[in-house]
């Protein structure tokens, strides 16, 4: 019993060390002690085991105010590899990444039945992974896990009839599968690589056809349930959920485009897909007063809605992401910030997301890394492929 207790404590310490390196590395032993609250001896013991295991490596030297240079430590990116999966319409985009989230290869597989058919998902995912490994020369024993980003369009209203355990069984690779909502994945990747990096607490808002938000704290993301269906205008416009005055009815691209149909000269806004129509609307604000007024009002609604999140959750940063969020923020971020300042009771930097290209794919690849951090040296040493 005592030996088991010692192993649990050791793995817990190793997890703390790995988490600090993942969020803020490379770090020296002294910096790790300050970041984790562990004693210098506990940090040294953890580092010894992690270096022997191959999960941590030396990452150079740093000056130490006249003393001996400090050895910096970081997670070894070639300890193993992760697979990130983004579901887009009736297709899987499958990427191979190292532990630093560097993308190595990406392949695409079609889904005739969409995400509803788990047997087809497992079959096409298995084919795609084998193709990835063949292209990159990585052995399957080097894989540490698979992360899957569940699209927002499927998350709230569409039941997905499969689980991580079921998919693990069908794939038969002997590695864990992690499934997460797209908004949480965006929050994780922004905290690791983007606008929320370096802070302990941030809110990431995703604005597409609809809206969602996630709170990320200490490397863990949690969706803010139904934020898009909280009321921002009592008795206001109808929302697809059946209520009135929801944030999504005013801030989501579907609601914005619906309101745009009331503008004069709306014929130009009927051409193209949703992205093209919103881009046309935002672009027309330079010469159309009515379009400018609508989009500026939308920026005010966004600011008020995120200001409420800032007041409730007190993040250090609030990040606006998603294709519609990027379109609107690229032109009207000052107006959004102004409205957020007036409605948020605590200060927070309001920023645009910095990881938009393949954000879901990269974020999905982060999920197995977080699982690896929790396990520490409990996982056998991965065998790097040749």
Protein backbone atom coordinates (compact mmCIF):
# COMPACT_ATOMS: atom_id res chain seq x y z
CA UNK A 1 0.00 0.00 0.00
CA UNK A 2 2.80 2.41 0.88
CA UNK A 3 4.56 1.71 -2.41
CA UNK A 4 1.37 2.37 -4.35
CA UNK A 5 0.86 5.64 -2.48
CA UNK A 6 4.40 6.71 -3.34
CA UNK A 7 3.79 5.94 -7.02
CA UNK A 8 0.57 7.99 -7.00
CA UNK A 9 2.37 10.98 -5.45
CA UNK A 10 5.26 10.65 -7.93
CA UNK A 11 2.93 10.54 -10.91
CA UNK A 12 1.01 13.51 -9.54
CA UNK A 13 4.23 15.51 -9.22
CA UNK A 14 5.28 14.50 -12.72
CA UNK A 15 1.90 15.64 -14.03
CA UNK A 16 2.36 19.06 -12.37
CA UNK A 17 5.82 19.39 -13.92
CA UNK A 18 4.63 18.34 -17.38
CA UNK A 19 1.67 20.72 -17.21
CA UNK A 20 3.97 23.65 -16.36
CA UNK A 21 6.32 22.75 -19.21
CA UNK A 22 3.42 22.35 -21.62
CA UNK A 23 1.92 25.75 -20.76
CA UNK A 24 5.08 27.83 -20.25
CA UNK A 25 8.15 25.78 -21.21
CA UNK A 26 11.04 25.72 -21.53
CA UNK A 27 11.68 26.28 -17.81
CA UNK A 28 14.54 25.76 -15.39
CA UNK A 29 14.21 23.59 -12.28
CA UNK A 30 13.93 26.73 -10.15
CA UNK A 31 11.15 28.09 -12.36
CA UNK A 32 9.38 24.73 -12.25
CA UNK A 33 9.47 24.77 -8.46
CA UNK A 34 7.89 28.24 -8.43
CA UNK A 35 5.29 27.32 -11.09
CA UNK A 36 4.18 24.05 -9.47
CA UNK A 37 4.64 24.78 -5.77
CA UNK A 38 6.75 21.62 -5.47
CA UNK A 39 9.96 21.57 -3.47
CA UNK A 40 13.26 21.67 -5.41
CA UNK A 41 13.94 18.06 -4.43
CA UNK A 42 10.50 16.93 -5.66
CA UNK A 43 11.04 18.76 -8.96
CA UNK A 44 14.50 17.19 -9.39
CA UNK A 45 13.13 13.73 -8.66
CA UNK A 46 10.32 14.21 -11.18
CA UNK A 47 12.69 15.56 -13.84
CA UNK A 48 15.04 12.60 -13.36
CA UNK A 49 12.23 10.13 -14.05
CA UNK A 50 10.81 12.10 -16.97
CA UNK A 51 14.21 12.51 -18.64
CA UNK A 52 14.92 8.78 -18.22
CA UNK A 53 11.49 8.04 -19.66
CA UNK A 54 12.25 10.29 -22.63
CA UNK A 55 9.26 12.58 -22.17
CA UNK A 56 11.37 15.57 -21.08
CA UNK A 57 14.65 16.79 -22.59
CA UNK A 58 17.17 19.56 -21.99
CA UNK A 59 16.41 22.61 -24.14
CA UNK A 60 19.50 24.78 -23.81
CA UNK A 61 20.89 27.15 -21.22
CA UNK A 62 19.74 30.48 -19.76
CA UNK A 63 21.74 33.19 -18.00
CA UNK A 64 21.39 33.31 -14.22
CA UNK A 65 22.60 36.79 -13.16
CA UNK A 66 26.28 36.00 -12.98
CA UNK A 67 26.03 32.42 -11.70
CA UNK A 68 26.21 29.20 -13.61
CA UNK A 69 23.86 29.10 -16.61
CA UNK A 70 20.56 27.43 -15.79
CA UNK A 71 19.58 24.30 -17.70
CA UNK A 72 16.23 24.69 -19.41
CA UNK A 73 13.85 21.75 -19.73
CA UNK A 74 10.95 21.10 -22.06
CA UNK A 75 8.67 18.35 -23.28
CA UNK A 76 10.41 16.21 -25.90
CA UNK A 77 8.37 16.73 -29.09
CA UNK A 78 9.56 13.45 -30.64
CA UNK A 79 8.66 11.30 -27.65
CA UNK A 80 5.55 10.32 -29.56
CA UNK A 81 2.94 11.54 -32.03
CA UNK A 82 -0.72 12.42 -31.88
CA UNK A 83 -3.51 12.31 -34.43
CA UNK A 84 -5.94 15.22 -34.70
CA UNK A 85 -9.26 14.80 -36.49
CA UNK A 86 -11.59 17.56 -37.69
CA UNK A 87 -15.04 16.65 -39.00
CA UNK A 88 -16.14 19.01 -41.78
CA UNK A 89 -19.44 18.20 -43.42
CA UNK A 90 -19.16 14.66 -44.77
CA UNK A 91 -15.40 14.38 -44.50
CA UNK A 92 -12.63 13.69 -42.01
CA UNK A 93 -9.46 15.76 -42.04
CA UNK A 94 -6.81 13.71 -40.25
CA UNK A 95 -3.48 15.18 -39.19
CA UNK A 96 -0.31 13.76 -37.65
CA UNK A 97 1.44 16.01 -35.09
CA UNK A 98 4.41 15.77 -32.77
CA UNK A 99 4.04 16.68 -29.08
CA UNK A 100 4.84 20.35 -29.76
CA UNK A 101 1.73 20.42 -32.02
CA UNK A 102 3.85 20.74 -35.15
CA UNK A 103 1.84 19.41 -38.07
CA UNK A 104 3.61 16.71 -40.05
CA UNK A 105 1.04 15.41 -42.56
CA UNK A 106 -2.68 15.79 -43.29
CA UNK A 107 -5.00 13.53 -45.28
CA UNK A 108 -8.72 13.66 -46.01
CA UNK A 109 -11.31 10.88 -46.10
CA UNK A 110 -14.91 11.16 -47.30
CA UNK A 111 -17.91 10.04 -45.22
CA UNK A 112 -20.96 8.95 -47.20
CA UNK A 113 -23.20 8.84 -44.09
CA UNK A 114 -21.66 11.65 -42.07
CA UNK A 115 -20.82 11.25 -38.38
CA UNK A 116 -23.88 9.14 -37.63
CA UNK A 117 -22.35 5.87 -38.87
CA UNK A 118 -19.64 4.91 -36.37
CA UNK A 119 -18.55 1.89 -38.41
CA UNK A 120 -17.84 4.09 -41.42
CA UNK A 121 -16.11 6.70 -39.24
CA UNK A 122 -13.86 4.03 -37.72
CA UNK A 123 -13.11 2.44 -41.10
CA UNK A 124 -12.22 5.71 -42.84
CA UNK A 125 -10.29 6.98 -39.83
CA UNK A 126 -8.27 3.77 -39.70
CA UNK A 127 -7.47 4.00 -43.42
CA UNK A 128 -6.51 7.65 -43.02
CA UNK A 129 -4.22 6.98 -40.05
CA UNK A 130 -2.42 4.15 -41.85
CA UNK A 131 -1.94 6.45 -44.85
CA UNK A 132 -0.55 9.19 -42.57
CA UNK A 133 1.92 6.82 -40.97
CA UNK A 134 3.04 5.55 -44.35
CA UNK A 135 3.57 9.07 -45.71
CA UNK A 136 5.50 10.23 -42.64
CA UNK A 137 7.48 7.07 -41.90
CA UNK A 138 6.18 6.89 -38.31
CA UNK A 139 5.46 3.50 -36.71
CA UNK A 140 2.06 2.99 -35.13
CA UNK A 141 3.73 2.20 -31.79
CA UNK A 142 4.78 5.87 -31.63
CA UNK A 143 1.17 7.07 -31.51
CA UNK A 144 0.07 8.31 -28.07
CA UNK A 145 -3.57 9.03 -28.84
CA UNK A 146 -6.25 10.37 -31.18
CA UNK A 147 -8.19 13.61 -30.64
CA UNK A 148 -11.46 14.33 -32.44
CA UNK A 149 -13.12 17.74 -32.72
CA UNK A 150 -16.89 17.44 -32.70
CA UNK A 151 -18.30 20.16 -34.99
CA UNK A 152 -20.46 22.81 -33.34
CA UNK A 153 -23.17 22.17 -35.90
CA UNK A 154 -23.50 18.63 -34.56
CA UNK A 155 -22.99 19.34 -30.89
CA UNK A 156 -26.12 21.02 -29.52
CA UNK A 157 -28.90 19.53 -31.59
CA UNK A 158 -27.63 16.30 -33.14
CA UNK A 159 -27.01 13.22 -31.04
CA UNK A 160 -23.78 11.46 -31.99
CA UNK A 161 -24.37 7.72 -31.48
CA UNK A 162 -20.79 6.77 -30.58
CA UNK A 163 -18.32 7.14 -27.74
CA UNK A 164 -14.55 7.23 -27.30
CA UNK A 165 -14.54 3.66 -25.95
CA UNK A 166 -16.58 2.32 -28.85
CA UNK A 167 -14.31 4.00 -31.38
CA UNK A 168 -11.18 2.74 -29.60
CA UNK A 169 -12.56 -0.80 -29.85
CA UNK A 170 -13.38 -0.51 -33.56
CA UNK A 171 -10.00 1.03 -34.44
CA UNK A 172 -8.08 -1.63 -32.51
CA UNK A 173 -4.91 0.49 -32.23
CA UNK A 174 -4.62 0.14 -28.46
CA UNK A 175 -4.38 3.92 -27.91
CA UNK A 176 -6.90 6.29 -26.29
CA UNK A 177 -9.41 8.35 -28.27
CA UNK A 178 -10.44 11.77 -26.97
CA UNK A 179 -13.59 13.50 -28.23
CA UNK A 180 -14.30 17.16 -27.51
CA UNK A 181 -16.53 19.97 -28.72
CA UNK A 182 -15.03 22.32 -31.28
CA UNK A 183 -15.34 25.37 -29.01
CA UNK A 184 -13.32 23.67 -26.26
CA UNK A 185 -10.71 22.61 -28.79
CA UNK A 186 -10.40 26.18 -30.03
CA UNK A 187 -9.97 27.33 -26.43
CA UNK A 188 -7.21 24.78 -25.85
CA UNK A 189 -5.29 25.67 -29.00
CA UNK A 190 -5.56 29.42 -28.32
CA UNK A 191 -4.24 28.84 -24.78
CA UNK A 192 -1.36 26.74 -26.10
CA UNK A 193 -0.41 28.54 -29.30
CA UNK A 194 -2.52 31.66 -29.69
CA UNK A 195 -4.00 34.76 -28.10
CA UNK A 196 -4.63 33.16 -24.69
CA UNK A 197 -1.12 31.77 -24.24
CA UNK A 198 0.60 32.73 -21.01
CA UNK A 199 -2.48 33.49 -18.90
CA UNK A 200 -4.06 31.20 -16.34
CA UNK A 201 -7.67 32.05 -17.18
CA UNK A 202 -9.27 33.05 -20.48
CA UNK A 203 -12.62 32.87 -22.27
CA UNK A 204 -12.69 31.92 -25.95
CA UNK A 205 -15.83 32.85 -27.90
CA UNK A 206 -16.52 31.10 -31.20
CA UNK A 207 -18.75 32.99 -33.64
CA UNK A 208 -19.88 31.12 -36.74
CA UNK A 209 -23.45 30.54 -37.88
CA UNK A 210 -24.16 30.21 -34.16
CA UNK A 211 -22.15 31.16 -31.09
CA UNK A 212 -20.48 29.25 -28.28
CA UNK A 213 -17.98 30.04 -25.54
CA UNK A 214 -15.47 28.11 -23.43
CA UNK A 215 -13.57 28.93 -20.24
CA UNK A 216 -9.97 27.71 -20.29
CA UNK A 217 -8.09 27.64 -17.00
CA UNK A 218 -4.80 25.90 -16.20
CA UNK A 219 -4.84 23.97 -19.47
CA UNK A 220 -8.43 22.68 -19.15
CA UNK A 221 -11.34 23.95 -21.26
CA UNK A 222 -15.00 23.79 -20.30
CA UNK A 223 -17.87 24.89 -22.52
CA UNK A 224 -20.06 27.64 -21.06
CA UNK A 225 -23.36 25.86 -21.47
CA UNK A 226 -25.91 27.56 -23.76
CA UNK A 227 -24.31 31.00 -23.51
CA UNK A 228 -25.63 31.71 -27.01
CA UNK A 229 -29.17 31.29 -25.69
CA UNK A 230 -28.93 33.69 -22.79
CA UNK A 231 -31.03 36.83 -23.25
CA UNK A 232 -29.44 40.02 -24.51
CA UNK A 233 -32.66 41.78 -25.65
CA UNK A 234 -35.81 41.10 -23.64
CA UNK A 235 -38.67 40.30 -26.00
CA UNK A 236 -36.34 40.73 -28.98
CA UNK A 237 -35.91 38.79 -32.17
CA UNK A 238 -36.96 35.16 -32.42
CA UNK A 239 -34.18 32.58 -32.09
CA UNK A 240 -34.22 29.13 -33.67
CA UNK A 241 -34.32 27.68 -30.15
CA UNK A 242 -37.86 29.09 -29.72
CA UNK A 243 -36.95 31.88 -27.30
CA UNK A 244 -36.62 35.59 -28.01
CA UNK A 245 -33.71 37.98 -27.67
CA UNK A 246 -30.95 35.34 -27.50
CA UNK A 247 -27.31 36.32 -28.00
CA UNK A 248 -27.16 33.99 -31.00
CA UNK A 249 -30.06 35.76 -32.75
CA UNK A 250 -28.01 38.98 -32.82
CA UNK A 251 -24.39 37.80 -32.90
CA UNK A 252 -24.40 34.53 -34.88
CA UNK A 253 -23.92 34.82 -38.64
CA UNK A 254 -27.36 33.31 -39.30
CA UNK A 255 -29.02 36.05 -37.25
CA UNK A 256 -26.87 38.80 -38.77
CA UNK A 257 -27.66 37.66 -42.32
CA UNK A 258 -31.36 37.42 -41.49
CA UNK A 259 -31.32 41.02 -40.25
CA UNK A 260 -29.39 42.09 -43.35
CA UNK A 261 -32.34 41.06 -45.54
CA UNK A 262 -34.16 44.11 -44.18
CA UNK A 263 -31.55 46.44 -45.72
CA UNK A 264 -32.07 48.32 -48.99
CA UNK A 265 -30.21 46.72 -51.90
CA UNK A 266 -30.24 43.36 -50.17
CA UNK A 267 -30.08 41.48 -53.50
CA UNK A 268 -26.26 41.51 -53.34
CA UNK A 269 -26.44 39.72 -49.99
CA UNK A 270 -28.34 36.78 -51.47
CA UNK A 271 -25.42 35.55 -53.58
CA UNK A 272 -22.85 33.00 -52.44
CA UNK A 273 -22.50 30.91 -49.30
CA UNK A 274 -22.85 32.23 -45.76
CA UNK A 275 -19.17 33.24 -45.51
CA UNK A 276 -19.32 35.13 -48.82
CA UNK A 277 -22.58 36.86 -47.87
CA UNK A 278 -21.23 38.02 -44.51
CA UNK A 279 -17.99 39.17 -46.14
CA UNK A 280 -20.03 41.19 -48.64
CA UNK A 281 -22.05 42.74 -45.81
CA UNK A 282 -18.96 43.72 -43.81
CA UNK A 283 -17.27 45.06 -46.95
CA UNK A 284 -20.32 47.18 -47.83
CA UNK A 285 -20.06 49.09 -44.54
CA UNK A 286 -17.55 51.43 -46.20
CA UNK A 287 -20.11 52.84 -48.65
CA UNK A 288 -23.55 51.86 -47.28
CA UNK A 289 -24.75 53.72 -44.19
CA UNK A 290 -27.48 51.17 -43.44
CA UNK A 291 -25.00 48.25 -43.59
CA UNK A 292 -22.55 50.20 -41.43
CA UNK A 293 -25.25 50.84 -38.84
CA UNK A 294 -26.27 47.15 -38.76
CA UNK A 295 -22.74 45.80 -38.40
CA UNK A 296 -21.80 48.46 -35.86
CA UNK A 297 -24.90 47.53 -33.85
CA UNK A 298 -23.82 43.89 -34.10
CA UNK A 299 -20.38 44.85 -32.75
CA UNK A 300 -22.18 46.49 -29.83
CA UNK A 301 -24.15 43.30 -29.16
CA UNK A 302 -20.95 41.24 -29.30
CA UNK A 303 -19.26 43.64 -26.88
CA UNK A 304 -22.20 43.56 -24.47
CA UNK A 305 -22.41 39.76 -24.63
CA UNK A 306 -18.69 39.20 -24.03
CA UNK A 307 -18.73 41.97 -21.41
CA UNK A 308 -21.25 39.89 -19.47
CA UNK A 309 -18.88 36.92 -19.65
CA UNK A 310 -16.01 39.08 -18.41
CA UNK A 311 -18.12 40.34 -15.51
CA UNK A 312 -19.17 36.82 -14.52
CA UNK A 313 -15.94 34.89 -15.05
CA UNK A 314 -13.16 37.50 -14.63
CA UNK A 315 -10.77 36.15 -17.32
CA UNK A 316 -7.45 37.83 -17.99
CA UNK A 317 -8.23 37.67 -21.74
CA UNK A 318 -11.28 37.18 -23.89
CA UNK A 319 -10.56 35.81 -27.36
CA UNK A 320 -12.96 36.12 -30.29
CA UNK A 321 -12.57 33.25 -32.77
CA UNK A 322 -14.53 31.55 -35.54
CA UNK A 323 -14.92 32.60 -39.15
CA UNK A 324 -17.67 35.14 -38.48
CA UNK A 325 -15.87 36.48 -35.41
CA UNK A 326 -12.76 37.06 -37.50
CA UNK A 327 -14.70 38.83 -40.26
CA UNK A 328 -16.47 41.15 -37.83
CA UNK A 329 -13.49 41.69 -35.55
CA UNK A 330 -11.14 42.56 -38.40
CA UNK A 331 -13.17 45.74 -39.05
CA UNK A 332 -14.97 46.46 -35.78
CA UNK A 333 -12.74 45.24 -32.94
CA UNK A 334 -12.44 48.76 -31.40
CA UNK A 335 -16.25 49.01 -31.20
CA UNK A 336 -16.46 45.52 -29.67
CA UNK A 337 -13.82 46.44 -27.08
CA UNK A 338 -15.58 49.68 -26.23
CA UNK A 339 -18.90 47.92 -25.63
CA UNK A 340 -17.19 45.15 -23.64
CA UNK A 341 -15.50 47.74 -21.41
CA UNK A 342 -18.83 49.41 -20.71
CA UNK A 343 -20.52 46.12 -19.82
CA UNK A 344 -17.70 44.17 -18.17
CA UNK A 345 -17.12 44.94 -14.51
CA UNK A 346 -13.55 43.62 -14.46
CA UNK A 347 -10.79 44.49 -16.94
CA UNK A 348 -9.83 41.94 -19.58
CA UNK A 349 -7.99 42.21 -22.87
CA UNK A 350 -10.36 41.50 -25.79
CA UNK A 351 -8.36 39.97 -28.66
CA UNK A 352 -8.95 38.23 -31.96
CA UNK A 353 -7.95 34.58 -32.16
CA UNK A 354 -4.55 33.90 -33.67
CA UNK A 355 -5.01 30.23 -34.63
CA UNK A 356 -7.70 30.19 -37.30
CA UNK A 357 -6.05 28.03 -39.97
CA UNK A 358 -6.79 24.42 -39.02
CA UNK A 359 -7.62 25.48 -35.45
CA UNK A 360 -9.92 22.49 -34.88
CA UNK A 361 -7.44 20.01 -36.36
CA UNK A 362 -4.53 21.36 -34.29
CA UNK A 363 -6.66 21.65 -31.17
CA UNK A 364 -7.83 18.06 -31.53
CA UNK A 365 -4.18 16.97 -31.60
CA UNK A 366 -3.69 18.74 -28.25
CA UNK A 367 -6.18 16.42 -26.50
CA UNK A 368 -3.90 13.34 -26.43
CA UNK A 369 -1.02 15.54 -25.24
CA UNK A 370 -3.12 16.61 -22.25
CA UNK A 371 -3.91 12.94 -21.60
CA UNK A 372 -0.21 12.13 -21.73
CA UNK A 373 0.52 14.92 -19.25
CA UNK A 374 -1.99 13.48 -16.80
CA UNK A 375 -0.40 10.03 -17.07
CA UNK A 376 3.24 11.19 -16.78
CA UNK A 377 5.59 8.20 -16.80
CA UNK A 378 2.67 5.83 -16.27
CA UNK A 379 2.78 5.37 -20.06
CA UNK A 380 5.50 3.12 -21.47
CA UNK A 381 8.10 4.85 -23.58
CA UNK A 382 6.82 5.39 -27.11
CA UNK A 383 8.94 3.99 -29.87
CA UNK A 384 9.77 6.65 -32.43
CA UNK A 385 9.12 5.54 -35.96
CA UNK A 386 11.75 5.49 -38.65
